[in-house]
């Protein structure tokens, strides 16, 4: 390896702590037993690569060589 050649290592974390993203609470005021309760989490967005709401934990590594 010389001064003009080098490696670069990258690590990217999406939702690293696996925190759930909750859906909106129930807004039906006619049912007092379920009003304001949250029953679901947000589903992942189809077609979105990564990092969207509802995605589970993802870790991505990369190695690049500069010359």
Protein backbone atom coordinates (compact mmCIF):
# COMPACT_ATOMS: atom_id res chain seq x y z
CA UNK A 1 0.00 0.00 0.00
CA UNK A 2 1.28 3.44 -0.89
CA UNK A 3 0.05 6.90 0.01
CA UNK A 4 -2.21 7.04 -3.03
CA UNK A 5 -3.93 3.70 -2.32
CA UNK A 6 -6.21 3.12 0.63
CA UNK A 7 -9.18 1.13 1.92
CA UNK A 8 -12.36 2.58 3.37
CA UNK A 9 -14.67 0.53 5.59
CA UNK A 10 -18.26 1.68 6.22
CA UNK A 11 -21.05 0.43 8.45
CA UNK A 12 -24.60 1.77 8.21
CA UNK A 13 -27.31 0.99 10.74
CA UNK A 14 -31.04 1.45 10.18
CA UNK A 15 -33.28 1.13 13.24
CA UNK A 16 -30.24 -0.09 15.20
CA UNK A 17 -32.15 -0.46 18.48
CA UNK A 18 -35.10 -2.21 16.74
CA UNK A 19 -37.54 0.38 18.11
CA UNK A 20 -41.15 -0.21 17.01
CA UNK A 21 -42.91 2.60 15.16
CA UNK A 22 -46.50 2.52 16.34
CA UNK A 23 -49.51 3.22 14.13
CA UNK A 24 -52.03 5.95 14.91
CA UNK A 25 -54.37 5.34 17.84
CA UNK A 26 -57.98 4.30 17.29
CA UNK A 27 -60.02 7.45 16.60
CA UNK A 28 -63.54 5.93 16.84
CA UNK A 29 -65.12 7.98 19.66
CA UNK A 30 -68.32 5.91 19.62
CA UNK A 31 -66.47 2.95 21.20
CA UNK A 32 -65.06 4.15 24.55
CA UNK A 33 -63.37 0.77 25.19
CA UNK A 34 -60.98 1.09 22.28
CA UNK A 35 -60.77 4.87 21.75
CA UNK A 36 -57.18 6.09 21.92
CA UNK A 37 -55.61 2.61 22.01
CA UNK A 38 -52.83 1.57 19.65
CA UNK A 39 -53.18 -1.94 18.25
CA UNK A 40 -50.59 -2.13 15.45
CA UNK A 41 -47.18 -1.00 14.31
CA UNK A 42 -46.49 0.73 10.99
CA UNK A 43 -45.94 -1.68 8.09
CA UNK A 44 -42.82 -1.26 5.93
CA UNK A 45 -43.34 0.79 2.77
CA UNK A 46 -43.21 -1.43 -0.32
CA UNK A 47 -40.58 -0.42 -2.84
CA UNK A 48 -38.53 1.59 -0.35
CA UNK A 49 -34.97 0.26 -0.12
CA UNK A 50 -34.36 0.63 3.61
CA UNK A 51 -34.68 3.00 6.49
CA UNK A 52 -38.41 3.60 6.07
CA UNK A 53 -40.93 3.54 8.89
CA UNK A 54 -41.79 0.06 10.07
CA UNK A 55 -38.58 -1.58 8.87
CA UNK A 56 -36.84 -4.01 11.18
CA UNK A 57 -33.19 -3.70 12.19
CA UNK A 58 -30.82 -3.60 9.22
CA UNK A 59 -27.02 -3.42 9.14
CA UNK A 60 -25.05 -2.79 5.96
CA UNK A 61 -21.28 -3.04 5.56
CA UNK A 62 -19.15 -1.73 2.73
CA UNK A 63 -15.50 -1.91 1.77
CA UNK A 64 -14.02 0.40 -0.86
CA UNK A 65 -10.53 0.47 -2.36
CA UNK A 66 -9.20 3.80 -3.68
CA UNK A 67 -6.37 3.73 -6.21
